[in-house]
Amino acid sequence: MSNVINFLERIGQDARLRDTSDSELELALLGEQVNSELREAIFSEDQSQLQVLLGQASFCCAMFPVKEGEEESEESPAQGDEEISMHDASLAIARAGY
């Protein structure tokens, strides 16, 4: 798996590799000994298939900035409670695949 990750990292860093022909990309993947399923996912630019083949879970992140000077009212939950609920919500969204 690390050879695939290293190869994808190199593609991201080297403009020549990003713009190379399919045949040159195929040769580079064969040189890295990347299996056929992974090569297919890379050629079709199928991110979800790459994640599945590499055993990676979907990742989702949400950030909610606080306005400067905004005070916490008595009606709003305590910050610790809010963080737990945001954490739980983030996990639920990530598990749903969004």
PDB file of N, CA and C in Angstrom:
ATOM      1  N   MET A   1       0.820  -1.191   0.000  1.00  0.00           N
ATOM      2  CA  MET A   1       0.000   0.000   0.000  1.00  0.00           C
ATOM      3  C   MET A   1       0.865   1.257   0.000  1.00  0.00           C
ATOM      4  N   SER A   2       1.963   1.247   0.733  1.00  0.00           N
ATOM      5  CA  SER A   2       2.778   2.459   0.831  1.00  0.00           C
ATOM      6  C   SER A   2       3.341   2.870  -0.524  1.00  0.00           C
ATOM      7  N   ASN A   3       3.604   1.894  -1.412  1.00  0.00           N
ATOM      8  CA  ASN A   3       4.118   2.270  -2.735  1.00  0.00           C
ATOM      9  C   ASN A   3       3.072   3.051  -3.530  1.00  0.00           C
ATOM     10  N   VAL A   4       1.791   2.722  -3.358  1.00  0.00           N
ATOM     11  CA  VAL A   4       0.722   3.454  -4.043  1.00  0.00           C
ATOM     12  C   VAL A   4       0.623   4.862  -3.472  1.00  0.00           C
ATOM     13  N   ILE A   5       0.649   4.974  -2.155  1.00  0.00           N
ATOM     14  CA  ILE A   5       0.567   6.286  -1.510  1.00  0.00           C
ATOM     15  C   ILE A   5       1.755   7.151  -1.931  1.00  0.00           C
ATOM     16  N   ASN A   6       2.937   6.576  -1.926  1.00  0.00           N
ATOM     17  CA  ASN A   6       4.129   7.323  -2.352  1.00  0.00           C
ATOM     18  C   ASN A   6       4.011   7.767  -3.804  1.00  0.00           C
ATOM     19  N   PHE A   7       3.483   6.892  -4.659  1.00  0.00           N
ATOM     20  CA  PHE A   7       3.318   7.224  -6.072  1.00  0.00           C
ATOM     21  C   PHE A   7       2.321   8.372  -6.238  1.00  0.00           C
ATOM     22  N   LEU A   8       1.184   8.294  -5.548  1.00  0.00           N
ATOM     23  CA  LEU A   8       0.177   9.357  -5.641  1.00  0.00           C
ATOM     24  C   LEU A   8       0.736  10.677  -5.106  1.00  0.00           C
ATOM     25  N   GLU A   9       1.532  10.597  -4.079  1.00  0.00           N
ATOM     26  CA  GLU A   9       2.172  11.791  -3.529  1.00  0.00           C
ATOM     27  C   GLU A   9       3.114  12.415  -4.558  1.00  0.00           C
ATOM     28  N   ARG A  10       3.880  11.574  -5.248  1.00  0.00           N
ATOM     29  CA  ARG A  10       4.790  12.081  -6.287  1.00  0.00           C
ATOM     30  C   ARG A  10       4.019  12.740  -7.415  1.00  0.00           C
ATOM     31  N   ILE A  11       2.877  12.149  -7.815  1.00  0.00           N
ATOM     32  CA  ILE A  11       2.054  12.748  -8.873  1.00  0.00           C
ATOM     33  C   ILE A  11       1.592  14.134  -8.438  1.00  0.00           C
ATOM     34  N   GLY A  12       1.185  14.248  -7.173  1.00  0.00           N
ATOM     35  CA  GLY A  12       0.737  15.539  -6.661  1.00  0.00           C
ATOM     36  C   GLY A  12       1.832  16.589  -6.618  1.00  0.00           C
ATOM     37  N   GLN A  13       3.069  16.171  -6.477  1.00  0.00           N
ATOM     38  CA  GLN A  13       4.186  17.104  -6.354  1.00  0.00           C
ATOM     39  C   GLN A  13       4.864  17.420  -7.683  1.00  0.00           C
ATOM     40  N   ASP A  14       4.711  16.564  -8.673  1.00  0.00           N
ATOM     41  CA  ASP A  14       5.443  16.706  -9.930  1.00  0.00           C
ATOM     42  C   ASP A  14       4.471  16.949 -11.086  1.00  0.00           C
ATOM     43  N   ALA A  15       4.463  18.165 -11.606  1.00  0.00           N
ATOM     44  CA  ALA A  15       3.544  18.523 -12.686  1.00  0.00           C
ATOM     45  C   ALA A  15       3.747  17.656 -13.923  1.00  0.00           C
ATOM     46  N   ARG A  16       4.984  17.218 -14.162  1.00  0.00           N
ATOM     47  CA  ARG A  16       5.244  16.370 -15.337  1.00  0.00           C
ATOM     48  C   ARG A  16       4.506  15.044 -15.220  1.00  0.00           C
ATOM     49  N   LEU A  17       4.445  14.487 -14.016  1.00  0.00           N
ATOM     50  CA  LEU A  17       3.722  13.222 -13.826  1.00  0.00           C
ATOM     51  C   LEU A  17       2.215  13.416 -13.959  1.00  0.00           C
ATOM     52  N   ARG A  18       1.714  14.565 -13.501  1.00  0.00           N
ATOM     53  CA  ARG A  18       0.269  14.823 -13.600  1.00  0.00           C
ATOM     54  C   ARG A  18      -0.170  14.931 -15.052  1.00  0.00           C
ATOM     55  N   ASP A  19       0.707  15.474 -15.890  1.00  0.00           N
ATOM     56  CA  ASP A  19       0.352  15.724 -17.288  1.00  0.00           C
ATOM     57  C   ASP A  19       0.906  14.677 -18.242  1.00  0.00           C
ATOM     58  N   THR A  20       1.376  13.560 -17.724  1.00  0.00           N
ATOM     59  CA  THR A  20       1.981  12.527 -18.558  1.00  0.00           C
ATOM     60  C   THR A  20       0.911  11.755 -19.338  1.00  0.00           C
ATOM     61  N   SER A  21       1.321  11.082 -20.382  1.00  0.00           N
ATOM     62  CA  SER A  21       0.383  10.276 -21.175  1.00  0.00           C
ATOM     63  C   SER A  21      -0.026   9.031 -20.392  1.00  0.00           C
ATOM     64  N   ASP A  22      -1.136   8.428 -20.814  1.00  0.00           N
ATOM     65  CA  ASP A  22      -1.618   7.209 -20.146  1.00  0.00           C
ATOM     66  C   ASP A  22      -0.591   6.088 -20.209  1.00  0.00           C
ATOM     67  N   SER A  23       0.089   5.962 -21.351  1.00  0.00           N
ATOM     68  CA  SER A  23       1.065   4.874 -21.475  1.00  0.00           C
ATOM     69  C   SER A  23       2.257   5.087 -20.539  1.00  0.00           C
ATOM     70  N   GLU A  24       2.700   6.335 -20.399  1.00  0.00           N
ATOM     71  CA  GLU A  24       3.799   6.617 -19.472  1.00  0.00           C
ATOM     72  C   GLU A  24       3.365   6.401 -18.023  1.00  0.00           C
ATOM     73  N   LEU A  25       2.127   6.765 -17.725  1.00  0.00           N
ATOM     74  CA  LEU A  25       1.591   6.547 -16.376  1.00  0.00           C
ATOM     75  C   LEU A  25       1.490   5.054 -16.089  1.00  0.00           C
ATOM     76  N   GLU A  26       1.048   4.296 -17.078  1.00  0.00           N
ATOM     77  CA  GLU A  26       0.956   2.836 -16.930  1.00  0.00           C
ATOM     78  C   GLU A  26       2.334   2.236 -16.643  1.00  0.00           C
ATOM     79  N   LEU A  27       3.335   2.674 -17.380  1.00  0.00           N
ATOM     80  CA  LEU A  27       4.700   2.180 -17.148  1.00  0.00           C
ATOM     81  C   LEU A  27       5.191   2.533 -15.743  1.00  0.00           C
ATOM     82  N   ALA A  28       4.894   3.744 -15.310  1.00  0.00           N
ATOM     83  CA  ALA A  28       5.312   4.164 -13.969  1.00  0.00           C
ATOM     84  C   ALA A  28       4.619   3.326 -12.898  1.00  0.00           C
ATOM     85  N   LEU A  29       3.331   3.039 -13.090  1.00  0.00           N
ATOM     86  CA  LEU A  29       2.586   2.218 -12.122  1.00  0.00           C
ATOM     87  C   LEU A  29       3.097   0.785 -12.110  1.00  0.00           C
ATOM     88  N   LEU A  30       3.423   0.261 -13.277  1.00  0.00           N
ATOM     89  CA  LEU A  30       3.982  -1.092 -13.336  1.00  0.00           C
ATOM     90  C   LEU A  30       5.336  -1.146 -12.638  1.00  0.00           C
ATOM     91  N   GLY A  31       6.116  -0.098 -12.813  1.00  0.00           N
ATOM     92  CA  GLY A  31       7.413  -0.020 -12.147  1.00  0.00           C
ATOM     93  C   GLY A  31       7.288   0.015 -10.634  1.00  0.00           C
ATOM     94  N   GLU A  32       6.188   0.566 -10.152  1.00  0.00           N
ATOM     95  CA  GLU A  32       5.936   0.628  -8.707  1.00  0.00           C
ATOM     96  C   GLU A  32       5.259  -0.647  -8.205  1.00  0.00           C
ATOM     97  N   GLN A  33       4.972  -1.571  -9.112  1.00  0.00           N
ATOM     98  CA  GLN A  33       4.306  -2.837  -8.784  1.00  0.00           C
ATOM     99  C   GLN A  33       2.937  -2.617  -8.135  1.00  0.00           C
ATOM    100  N   VAL A  34       2.153  -1.703  -8.727  1.00  0.00           N
ATOM    101  CA  VAL A  34       0.800  -1.416  -8.259  1.00  0.00           C
ATOM    102  C   VAL A  34      -0.141  -2.421  -8.905  1.00  0.00           C
ATOM    103  N   ASN A  35      -1.010  -3.052  -8.102  1.00  0.00           N
ATOM    104  CA  ASN A  35      -1.890  -4.084  -8.657  1.00  0.00           C
ATOM    105  C   ASN A  35      -2.925  -3.494  -9.615  1.00  0.00           C
ATOM    106  N   SER A  36      -3.540  -4.349 -10.402  1.00  0.00           N
ATOM    107  CA  SER A  36      -4.423  -3.910 -11.487  1.00  0.00           C
ATOM    108  C   SER A  36      -5.647  -3.147 -10.992  1.00  0.00           C
ATOM    109  N   GLU A  37      -6.228  -3.550  -9.853  1.00  0.00           N
ATOM    110  CA  GLU A  37      -7.407  -2.835  -9.339  1.00  0.00           C
ATOM    111  C   GLU A  37      -7.056  -1.393  -8.976  1.00  0.00           C
ATOM    112  N   LEU A  38      -5.916  -1.218  -8.340  1.00  0.00           N
ATOM    113  CA  LEU A  38      -5.485   0.134  -7.973  1.00  0.00           C
ATOM    114  C   LEU A  38      -5.135   0.952  -9.212  1.00  0.00           C
ATOM    115  N   ARG A  39      -4.482   0.325 -10.191  1.00  0.00           N
ATOM    116  CA  ARG A  39      -4.163   1.035 -11.442  1.00  0.00           C
ATOM    117  C   ARG A  39      -5.444   1.515 -12.110  1.00  0.00           C
ATOM    118  N   GLU A  40      -6.448   0.647 -12.155  1.00  0.00           N
ATOM    119  CA  GLU A  40      -7.737   0.993 -12.770  1.00  0.00           C
ATOM    120  C   GLU A  40      -8.376   2.188 -12.059  1.00  0.00           C
ATOM    121  N   ALA A  41      -8.358   2.177 -10.733  1.00  0.00           N
ATOM    122  CA  ALA A  41      -8.942   3.278  -9.960  1.00  0.00           C
ATOM    123  C   ALA A  41      -8.177   4.581 -10.196  1.00  0.00           C
ATOM    124  N   ILE A  42      -6.865   4.496 -10.317  1.00  0.00           N
ATOM    125  CA  ILE A  42      -6.053   5.686 -10.572  1.00  0.00           C
ATOM    126  C   ILE A  42      -6.342   6.234 -11.963  1.00  0.00           C
ATOM    127  N   PHE A  43      -6.395   5.363 -12.976  1.00  0.00           N
ATOM    128  CA  PHE A  43      -6.673   5.808 -14.345  1.00  0.00           C
ATOM    129  C   PHE A  43      -8.053   6.433 -14.475  1.00  0.00           C
ATOM    130  N   SER A  44      -9.034   5.873 -13.785  1.00  0.00           N
ATOM    131  CA  SER A  44     -10.394   6.408 -13.882  1.00  0.00           C
ATOM    132  C   SER A  44     -10.635   7.554 -12.904  1.00  0.00           C
ATOM    133  N   GLU A  45      -9.594   7.902 -12.130  1.00  0.00           N
ATOM    134  CA  GLU A  45      -9.676   8.971 -11.136  1.00  0.00           C
ATOM    135  C   GLU A  45     -10.846   8.746 -10.182  1.00  0.00           C
ATOM    136  N   ASP A  46     -11.025   7.494  -9.772  1.00  0.00           N
ATOM    137  CA  ASP A  46     -12.126   7.094  -8.896  1.00  0.00           C
ATOM    138  C   ASP A  46     -11.668   7.134  -7.434  1.00  0.00           C
ATOM    139  N   GLN A  47     -11.873   8.275  -6.806  1.00  0.00           N
ATOM    140  CA  GLN A  47     -11.409   8.478  -5.437  1.00  0.00           C
ATOM    141  C   GLN A  47     -12.070   7.511  -4.460  1.00  0.00           C
ATOM    142  N   SER A  48     -13.368   7.295  -4.604  1.00  0.00           N
ATOM    143  CA  SER A  48     -14.054   6.401  -3.662  1.00  0.00           C
ATOM    144  C   SER A  48     -13.537   4.966  -3.782  1.00  0.00           C
ATOM    145  N   GLN A  49     -13.253   4.516  -5.003  1.00  0.00           N
ATOM    146  CA  GLN A  49     -12.706   3.168  -5.185  1.00  0.00           C
ATOM    147  C   GLN A  49     -11.296   3.068  -4.598  1.00  0.00           C
ATOM    148  N   LEU A  50     -10.502   4.111  -4.772  1.00  0.00           N
ATOM    149  CA  LEU A  50      -9.165   4.134  -4.170  1.00  0.00           C
ATOM    150  C   LEU A  50      -9.259   4.037  -2.651  1.00  0.00           C
ATOM    151  N   GLN A  51     -10.199   4.771  -2.068  1.00  0.00           N
ATOM    152  CA  GLN A  51     -10.377   4.716  -0.614  1.00  0.00           C
ATOM    153  C   GLN A  51     -10.733   3.306  -0.166  1.00  0.00           C
ATOM    154  N   VAL A  52     -11.627   2.657  -0.891  1.00  0.00           N
ATOM    155  CA  VAL A  52     -12.033   1.294  -0.535  1.00  0.00           C
ATOM    156  C   VAL A  52     -10.846   0.346  -0.647  1.00  0.00           C
ATOM    157  N   LEU A  53     -10.140   0.414  -1.766  1.00  0.00           N
ATOM    158  CA  LEU A  53      -9.014  -0.495  -1.988  1.00  0.00           C
ATOM    159  C   LEU A  53      -7.879  -0.283  -0.989  1.00  0.00           C
ATOM    160  N   LEU A  54      -7.714   0.960  -0.545  1.00  0.00           N
ATOM    161  CA  LEU A  54      -6.649   1.261   0.406  1.00  0.00           C
ATOM    162  C   LEU A  54      -7.114   1.160   1.858  1.00  0.00           C
ATOM    163  N   GLY A  55      -8.400   0.799   2.037  1.00  0.00           N
ATOM    164  CA  GLY A  55      -8.923   0.639   3.396  1.00  0.00           C
ATOM    165  C   GLY A  55      -9.067   1.944   4.147  1.00  0.00           C
ATOM    166  N   GLN A  56      -9.335   3.017   3.422  1.00  0.00           N
ATOM    167  CA  GLN A  56      -9.470   4.330   4.048  1.00  0.00           C
ATOM    168  C   GLN A  56     -10.938   4.673   4.240  1.00  0.00           C
ATOM    169  N   ALA A  57     -11.262   5.220   5.392  1.00  0.00           N
ATOM    170  CA  ALA A  57     -12.630   5.654   5.680  1.00  0.00           C
ATOM    171  C   ALA A  57     -12.825   7.068   5.137  1.00  0.00           C
ATOM    172  N   SER A  58     -14.078   7.422   4.901  1.00  0.00           N
ATOM    173  CA  SER A  58     -14.393   8.788   4.494  1.00  0.00           C
ATOM    174  C   SER A  58     -14.082   9.730   5.642  1.00  0.00           C
ATOM    175  N   PHE A  59     -13.697  10.925   5.303  1.00  0.00           N
ATOM    176  CA  PHE A  59     -13.345  11.915   6.317  1.00  0.00           C
ATOM    177  C   PHE A  59     -14.191  13.150   6.100  1.00  0.00           C
ATOM    178  N   CYS A  60     -14.764  13.632   7.166  1.00  0.00           N
ATOM    179  CA  CYS A  60     -15.592  14.828   7.093  1.00  0.00           C
ATOM    180  C   CYS A  60     -15.239  15.728   8.269  1.00  0.00           C
ATOM    181  N   CYS A  61     -15.192  17.006   8.023  1.00  0.00           N
ATOM    182  CA  CYS A  61     -14.852  17.948   9.085  1.00  0.00           C
ATOM    183  C   CYS A  61     -15.783  19.144   8.990  1.00  0.00           C
ATOM    184  N   ALA A  62     -16.263  19.602  10.119  1.00  0.00           N
ATOM    185  CA  ALA A  62     -17.093  20.802  10.170  1.00  0.00           C
ATOM    186  C   ALA A  62     -16.521  21.739  11.221  1.00  0.00           C
ATOM    187  N   MET A  63     -16.449  23.017  10.878  1.00  0.00           N
ATOM    188  CA  MET A  63     -15.940  24.010  11.822  1.00  0.00           C
ATOM    189  C   MET A  63     -16.980  25.107  11.959  1.00  0.00           C
ATOM    190  N   PHE A  64     -17.205  25.534  13.170  1.00  0.00           N
ATOM    191  CA  PHE A  64     -18.183  26.571  13.448  1.00  0.00           C
ATOM    192  C   PHE A  64     -17.495  27.697  14.214  1.00  0.00           C
ATOM    193  N   PRO A  65     -17.098  28.754  13.527  1.00  0.00           N
ATOM    194  CA  PRO A  65     -16.385  29.834  14.208  1.00  0.00           C
ATOM    195  C   PRO A  65     -17.311  30.600  15.152  1.00  0.00           C
ATOM    196  N   VAL A  66     -16.742  31.088  16.225  1.00  0.00           N
ATOM    197  CA  VAL A  66     -17.487  31.896  17.183  1.00  0.00           C
ATOM    198  C   VAL A  66     -17.198  33.353  16.869  1.00  0.00           C
ATOM    199  N   LYS A  67     -18.256  34.155  16.864  1.00  0.00           N
ATOM    200  CA  LYS A  67     -18.067  35.578  16.604  1.00  0.00           C
ATOM    201  C   LYS A  67     -17.340  36.211  17.782  1.00  0.00           C
ATOM    202  N   GLU A  68     -16.439  37.115  17.470  1.00  0.00           N
ATOM    203  CA  GLU A  68     -15.680  37.785  18.515  1.00  0.00           C
ATOM    204  C   GLU A  68     -16.621  38.585  19.396  1.00  0.00           C
ATOM    205  N   GLY A  69     -16.422  38.482  20.691  1.00  0.00           N
ATOM    206  CA  GLY A  69     -17.235  39.241  21.633  1.00  0.00           C
ATOM    207  C   GLY A  69     -18.574  38.598  21.945  1.00  0.00           C
ATOM    208  N   GLU A  70     -18.891  37.500  21.301  1.00  0.00           N
ATOM    209  CA  GLU A  70     -20.173  36.832  21.554  1.00  0.00           C
ATOM    210  C   GLU A  70     -20.072  36.078  22.873  1.00  0.00           C
ATOM    211  N   GLU A  71     -21.020  36.336  23.753  1.00  0.00           N
ATOM    212  CA  GLU A  71     -21.000  35.678  25.053  1.00  0.00           C
ATOM    213  C   GLU A  71     -21.941  34.490  25.045  1.00  0.00           C
ATOM    214  N   GLU A  72     -21.610  33.523  25.861  1.00  0.00           N
ATOM    215  CA  GLU A  72     -22.440  32.331  25.981  1.00  0.00           C
ATOM    216  C   GLU A  72     -23.633  32.652  26.868  1.00  0.00           C
ATOM    217  N   SER A  73     -24.839  32.397  26.378  1.00  0.00           N
ATOM    218  CA  SER A  73     -26.036  32.651  27.183  1.00  0.00           C
ATOM    219  C   SER A  73     -26.308  31.457  28.085  1.00  0.00           C
ATOM    220  N   GLU A  74     -27.181  31.670  29.060  1.00  0.00           N
ATOM    221  CA  GLU A  74     -27.517  30.581  29.981  1.00  0.00           C
ATOM    222  C   GLU A  74     -28.292  29.479  29.271  1.00  0.00           C
ATOM    223  N   GLU A  75     -28.971  29.828  28.175  1.00  0.00           N
ATOM    224  CA  GLU A  75     -29.774  28.846  27.447  1.00  0.00           C
ATOM    225  C   GLU A  75     -28.920  27.914  26.599  1.00  0.00           C
ATOM    226  N   SER A  76     -27.748  28.378  26.221  1.00  0.00           N
ATOM    227  CA  SER A  76     -26.904  27.534  25.376  1.00  0.00           C
ATOM    228  C   SER A  76     -26.214  26.484  26.226  1.00  0.00           C
ATOM    229  N   PRO A  77     -25.923  25.328  25.649  1.00  0.00           N
ATOM    230  CA  PRO A  77     -25.271  24.261  26.420  1.00  0.00           C
ATOM    231  C   PRO A  77     -23.854  24.659  26.809  1.00  0.00           C
ATOM    232  N   ALA A  78     -23.354  24.033  27.830  1.00  0.00           N
ATOM    233  CA  ALA A  78     -21.977  24.278  28.248  1.00  0.00           C
ATOM    234  C   ALA A  78     -21.047  23.882  27.118  1.00  0.00           C
ATOM    235  N   GLN A  79     -19.909  24.528  27.032  1.00  0.00           N
ATOM    236  CA  GLN A  79     -18.992  24.267  25.920  1.00  0.00           C
ATOM    237  C   GLN A  79     -18.603  22.798  25.849  1.00  0.00           C
ATOM    238  N   GLY A  80     -18.357  22.161  26.963  1.00  0.00           N
ATOM    239  CA  GLY A  80     -17.995  20.746  26.966  1.00  0.00           C
ATOM    240  C   GLY A  80     -19.094  19.883  26.381  1.00  0.00           C
ATOM    241  N   ASP A  81     -20.357  20.185  26.728  1.00  0.00           N
ATOM    242  CA  ASP A  81     -21.490  19.433  26.180  1.00  0.00           C
ATOM    243  C   ASP A  81     -21.603  19.649  24.679  1.00  0.00           C
ATOM    244  N   GLU A  82     -21.391  20.887  24.257  1.00  0.00           N
ATOM    245  CA  GLU A  82     -21.482  21.205  22.837  1.00  0.00           C
ATOM    246  C   GLU A  82     -20.407  20.469  22.050  1.00  0.00           C
ATOM    247  N   GLU A  83     -19.208  20.399  22.589  1.00  0.00           N
ATOM    248  CA  GLU A  83     -18.128  19.710  21.894  1.00  0.00           C
ATOM    249  C   GLU A  83     -18.440  18.232  21.731  1.00  0.00           C
ATOM    250  N   ILE A  84     -19.027  17.636  22.731  1.00  0.00           N
ATOM    251  CA  ILE A  84     -19.387  16.223  22.636  1.00  0.00           C
ATOM    252  C   ILE A  84     -20.432  16.027  21.548  1.00  0.00           C
ATOM    253  N   SER A  85     -21.451  16.879  21.518  1.00  0.00           N
ATOM    254  CA  SER A  85     -22.495  16.703  20.512  1.00  0.00           C
ATOM    255  C   SER A  85     -21.948  16.961  19.106  1.00  0.00           C
ATOM    256  N   MET A  86     -21.044  17.938  18.965  1.00  0.00           N
ATOM    257  CA  MET A  86     -20.441  18.193  17.660  1.00  0.00           C
ATOM    258  C   MET A  86     -19.587  17.005  17.242  1.00  0.00           C
ATOM    259  N   HIS A  87     -18.873  16.441  18.200  1.00  0.00           N
ATOM    260  CA  HIS A  87     -18.052  15.264  17.918  1.00  0.00           C
ATOM    261  C   HIS A  87     -18.939  14.111  17.459  1.00  0.00           C
ATOM    262  N   ASP A  88     -20.029  13.875  18.186  1.00  0.00           N
ATOM    263  CA  ASP A  88     -20.947  12.800  17.812  1.00  0.00           C
ATOM    264  C   ASP A  88     -21.554  13.049  16.437  1.00  0.00           C
ATOM    265  N   ALA A  89     -21.911  14.298  16.160  1.00  0.00           N
ATOM    266  CA  ALA A  89     -22.493  14.630  14.859  1.00  0.00           C
ATOM    267  C   ALA A  89     -21.474  14.407  13.745  1.00  0.00           C
ATOM    268  N   SER A  90     -20.231  14.798  13.993  1.00  0.00           N
ATOM    269  CA  SER A  90     -19.181  14.602  12.989  1.00  0.00           C
ATOM    270  C   SER A  90     -18.966  13.128  12.699  1.00  0.00           C
ATOM    271  N   LEU A  91     -18.975  12.313  13.752  1.00  0.00           N
ATOM    272  CA  LEU A  91     -18.814  10.870  13.557  1.00  0.00           C
ATOM    273  C   LEU A  91     -19.974  10.294  12.761  1.00  0.00           C
ATOM    274  N   ALA A  92     -21.186  10.742  13.066  1.00  0.00           N
ATOM    275  CA  ALA A  92     -22.359  10.236  12.349  1.00  0.00           C
ATOM    276  C   ALA A  92     -22.285  10.598  10.870  1.00  0.00           C
ATOM    277  N   ILE A  93     -21.869  11.821  10.575  1.00  0.00           N
ATOM    278  CA  ILE A  93     -21.748  12.252   9.180  1.00  0.00           C
ATOM    279  C   ILE A  93     -20.662  11.454   8.477  1.00  0.00           C
ATOM    280  N   ALA A  94     -19.526  11.269   9.137  1.00  0.00           N
ATOM    281  CA  ALA A  94     -18.420  10.520   8.534  1.00  0.00           C
ATOM    282  C   ALA A  94     -18.826   9.082   8.260  1.00  0.00           C
ATOM    283  N   ARG A  95     -19.548   8.477   9.191  1.00  0.00           N
ATOM    284  CA  ARG A  95     -19.973   7.087   8.997  1.00  0.00           C
ATOM    285  C   ARG A  95     -20.980   6.959   7.867  1.00  0.00           C
ATOM    286  N   ALA A  96     -21.747   8.032   7.626  1.00  0.00           N
ATOM    287  CA  ALA A  96     -22.741   7.999   6.557  1.00  0.00           C
ATOM    288  C   ALA A  96     -22.092   8.139   5.183  1.00  0.00           C
ATOM    289  N   GLY A  97     -20.819   8.518   5.150  1.00  0.00           N
ATOM    290  CA  GLY A  97     -20.101   8.601   3.878  1.00  0.00           C
ATOM    291  C   GLY A  97     -20.215   9.930   3.179  1.00  0.00           C
ATOM    292  N   TYR A  98     -20.546  10.995   3.889  1.00  0.00           N
ATOM    293  CA  TYR A  98     -20.650  12.322   3.276  1.00  0.00           C
ATOM    294  C   TYR A  98     -19.376  13.072   3.387  1.00  0.00           C
TER     295      TYR A  98
END
